[in-house]
Amino acid sequence: MPTYDYQCKECGHRFEEFQSITAKPLLTCPSCGKPALKRLLGGGGGMVFKGSGFYLTDYKKRTSTDTTSKKPATETKKDTSSPPSTPKSDTSSSD
């Protein structure tokens, strides 16, 4: 629910009111009691996300492979084949 700013046209009293979007604007000033309130345009508070965190991955659709157990990264098999060969430079000159 948003917070609205109001100002009285008669006495100049200014205040904020926490209201539903569908609620009708207030009319009576709580300070002077006259029906001279005007709802002011506000800059808006922006969106507020509360909680431990919001990430793109939190809302991705899960596939059937996501629910199966996966091997931990420590059990990954390492390549034990011979190391890659490095190109040897030709040291002989045939000038």
C-alpha atoms as a PDB file:
ATOM      1  CA  MET A   1       0.000   0.000   0.000  1.00  0.00           C
ATOM      2  CA  PRO A   2       1.357   3.417  -0.905  1.00  0.00           C
ATOM      3  CA  THR A   3       1.891   6.439   1.290  1.00  0.00           C
ATOM      4  CA  TYR A   4       0.185   9.634   0.124  1.00  0.00           C
ATOM      5  CA  ASP A   5       1.143  13.216   0.979  1.00  0.00           C
ATOM      6  CA  TYR A   6      -1.619  15.666   1.886  1.00  0.00           C
ATOM      7  CA  GLN A   7      -1.614  19.397   2.513  1.00  0.00           C
ATOM      8  CA  CYS A   8      -4.392  21.551   3.915  1.00  0.00           C
ATOM      9  CA  LYS A   9      -5.279  24.595   1.783  1.00  0.00           C
ATOM     10  CA  GLU A  10      -6.494  26.492   4.881  1.00  0.00           C
ATOM     11  CA  CYS A  11      -3.859  25.992   7.569  1.00  0.00           C
ATOM     12  CA  GLY A  12      -0.957  24.588   5.505  1.00  0.00           C
ATOM     13  CA  HIS A  13      -0.658  21.424   7.628  1.00  0.00           C
ATOM     14  CA  ARG A  14       1.239  18.759   5.706  1.00  0.00           C
ATOM     15  CA  PHE A  15       1.255  15.036   6.513  1.00  0.00           C
ATOM     16  CA  GLU A  16       1.558  11.539   5.063  1.00  0.00           C
ATOM     17  CA  GLU A  17      -1.155   8.902   5.090  1.00  0.00           C
ATOM     18  CA  PHE A  18      -0.729   5.177   4.459  1.00  0.00           C
ATOM     19  CA  GLN A  19      -3.723   4.157   2.295  1.00  0.00           C
ATOM     20  CA  SER A  20      -4.858   1.546  -0.172  1.00  0.00           C
ATOM     21  CA  ILE A  21      -4.742   2.497  -3.847  1.00  0.00           C
ATOM     22  CA  THR A  22      -8.506   2.079  -4.082  1.00  0.00           C
ATOM     23  CA  ALA A  23      -9.199   4.252  -1.001  1.00  0.00           C
ATOM     24  CA  LYS A  24     -10.800   7.639  -1.606  1.00  0.00           C
ATOM     25  CA  PRO A  25      -8.643  10.707  -0.884  1.00  0.00           C
ATOM     26  CA  LEU A  26      -8.985  12.280   2.551  1.00  0.00           C
ATOM     27  CA  LEU A  27     -10.976  15.515   2.723  1.00  0.00           C
ATOM     28  CA  THR A  28     -10.859  16.742   6.331  1.00  0.00           C
ATOM     29  CA  CYS A  29      -7.677  18.212   7.805  1.00  0.00           C
ATOM     30  CA  PRO A  30      -6.704  16.518  11.096  1.00  0.00           C
ATOM     31  CA  SER A  31      -5.175  19.791  12.333  1.00  0.00           C
ATOM     32  CA  CYS A  32      -7.883  22.406  11.692  1.00  0.00           C
ATOM     33  CA  GLY A  33     -10.871  20.130  10.915  1.00  0.00           C
ATOM     34  CA  LYS A  34     -11.795  21.949   7.684  1.00  0.00           C
ATOM     35  CA  PRO A  35     -12.541  20.041   4.453  1.00  0.00           C
ATOM     36  CA  ALA A  36      -9.651  21.599   2.560  1.00  0.00           C
ATOM     37  CA  LEU A  37      -7.149  18.778   1.999  1.00  0.00           C
ATOM     38  CA  LYS A  38      -5.341  18.336  -1.259  1.00  0.00           C
ATOM     39  CA  ARG A  39      -3.482  15.143  -2.224  1.00  0.00           C
ATOM     40  CA  LEU A  40      -0.005  16.049  -3.429  1.00  0.00           C
ATOM     41  CA  LEU A  41       1.965  14.420  -6.191  1.00  0.00           C
ATOM     42  CA  GLY A  42       4.784  12.387  -4.744  1.00  0.00           C
ATOM     43  CA  GLY A  43       7.989  11.098  -6.217  1.00  0.00           C
ATOM     44  CA  GLY A  44       7.082   7.594  -5.211  1.00  0.00           C
ATOM     45  CA  GLY A  45       9.027   5.299  -2.976  1.00  0.00           C
ATOM     46  CA  GLY A  46       9.968   2.779  -5.622  1.00  0.00           C
ATOM     47  CA  MET A  47       9.763  -0.924  -5.116  1.00  0.00           C
ATOM     48  CA  VAL A  48      10.929  -2.453  -1.877  1.00  0.00           C
ATOM     49  CA  PHE A  49      12.053  -6.074  -1.877  1.00  0.00           C
ATOM     50  CA  LYS A  50      12.225  -7.648   1.561  1.00  0.00           C
ATOM     51  CA  GLY A  51      13.781 -10.979   2.313  1.00  0.00           C
ATOM     52  CA  SER A  52      17.027 -12.858   2.006  1.00  0.00           C
ATOM     53  CA  GLY A  53      17.464 -12.023  -1.656  1.00  0.00           C
ATOM     54  CA  PHE A  54      15.905 -11.988  -5.061  1.00  0.00           C
ATOM     55  CA  TYR A  55      17.736 -13.624  -7.903  1.00  0.00           C
ATOM     56  CA  LEU A  56      16.855 -14.535 -11.456  1.00  0.00           C
ATOM     57  CA  THR A  57      17.379 -18.199 -10.637  1.00  0.00           C
ATOM     58  CA  ASP A  58      14.701 -18.068  -7.919  1.00  0.00           C
ATOM     59  CA  TYR A  59      11.955 -17.878 -10.519  1.00  0.00           C
ATOM     60  CA  LYS A  60      13.188 -20.140 -13.310  1.00  0.00           C
ATOM     61  CA  LYS A  61      10.982 -23.034 -14.305  1.00  0.00           C
ATOM     62  CA  ARG A  62      12.234 -26.316 -12.962  1.00  0.00           C
ATOM     63  CA  THR A  63      12.665 -29.237 -15.305  1.00  0.00           C
ATOM     64  CA  SER A  64      12.550 -32.915 -14.415  1.00  0.00           C
ATOM     65  CA  THR A  65      16.359 -33.051 -14.384  1.00  0.00           C
ATOM     66  CA  ASP A  66      16.498 -30.307 -11.736  1.00  0.00           C
ATOM     67  CA  THR A  67      14.687 -32.499  -9.217  1.00  0.00           C
ATOM     68  CA  THR A  68      17.037 -35.478  -9.581  1.00  0.00           C
ATOM     69  CA  SER A  69      20.073 -35.655  -7.357  1.00  0.00           C
ATOM     70  CA  LYS A  70      23.283 -34.429  -8.896  1.00  0.00           C
ATOM     71  CA  LYS A  71      26.814 -35.450  -8.034  1.00  0.00           C
ATOM     72  CA  PRO A  72      28.724 -32.904  -5.983  1.00  0.00           C
ATOM     73  CA  ALA A  73      31.485 -31.047  -7.812  1.00  0.00           C
ATOM     74  CA  THR A  74      34.160 -32.851  -5.751  1.00  0.00           C
ATOM     75  CA  GLU A  75      33.255 -36.194  -7.325  1.00  0.00           C
ATOM     76  CA  THR A  76      33.927 -34.988 -10.853  1.00  0.00           C
ATOM     77  CA  LYS A  77      36.332 -37.235 -12.700  1.00  0.00           C
ATOM     78  CA  LYS A  78      39.597 -35.604 -13.707  1.00  0.00           C
ATOM     79  CA  ASP A  79      41.206 -36.253 -17.074  1.00  0.00           C
ATOM     80  CA  THR A  80      44.150 -38.557 -16.356  1.00  0.00           C
ATOM     81  CA  SER A  81      45.344 -38.865 -19.928  1.00  0.00           C
ATOM     82  CA  SER A  82      48.751 -37.594 -20.922  1.00  0.00           C
ATOM     83  CA  PRO A  83      49.283 -33.848 -20.841  1.00  0.00           C
ATOM     84  CA  PRO A  84      48.727 -31.998 -24.097  1.00  0.00           C
ATOM     85  CA  SER A  85      51.773 -31.920 -26.305  1.00  0.00           C
ATOM     86  CA  THR A  86      53.452 -28.605 -26.838  1.00  0.00           C
ATOM     87  CA  PRO A  87      54.745 -27.701 -30.289  1.00  0.00           C
ATOM     88  CA  LYS A  88      58.501 -28.055 -30.471  1.00  0.00           C
ATOM     89  CA  SER A  89      60.453 -25.422 -32.295  1.00  0.00           C
ATOM     90  CA  ASP A  90      62.814 -26.533 -35.011  1.00  0.00           C
ATOM     91  CA  THR A  91      66.330 -25.758 -33.845  1.00  0.00           C
ATOM     92  CA  SER A  92      68.175 -27.012 -36.889  1.00  0.00           C
ATOM     93  CA  SER A  93      68.929 -24.553 -39.660  1.00  0.00           C
ATOM     94  CA  SER A  94      69.162 -25.612 -43.251  1.00  0.00           C
ATOM     95  CA  ASP A  95      70.510 -22.469 -44.838  1.00  0.00           C
END
